[in-house]
Amino acid sequence: VQLVESGGGSVQPGGSLKLSCVGPGFTFKSYGLGWYRQAPGKECELVATVDNTGGSTYYSDSVKGRFTISRDNAKNTVNLQMNALKPDDTAVYYCAAEPQFRSGGTGCPAGGPGSDYWGHGTQVTVSS
């Protein structure tokens, strides 16, 4: 089961981007979903997660108030609206699905990019 991200790109500090992830081929509405990122030389980190209904969300402290995660179970998609972007947000962003809602922590689910229930990532670069 593979997820597919889109929407990455290059933007100046203070700008916005919207990432999308589509997940065909499994019971999408039964899974918690999350966005994760990895910058060069750094460990994979949790960015934001949402439960299977879309009613509960969790954000890392570094993006709280700037990023918004949402999902549309009818379209098997999860989105990440990123505003007020900073150079520190530069990373490859991944979406991943898990049977449970991740409501805390900082790390990434087991498996990694390209594994089942992971995408291959989309690059986000924030620079002037």
Foldseek 3Di string as FASTA:
>chain_A
DEKAKDWADEEAAQAKTKMKIADPDDQLLQWKKFKWWDAPPGAIWTAKIAGSVRPDMAGDPVQPPFKDWGDDSVRRMIMIIGGRDDQVVWTWMKMFIDNGTDHDDIHDDPDDDPGPRIHNTDTHGYHD
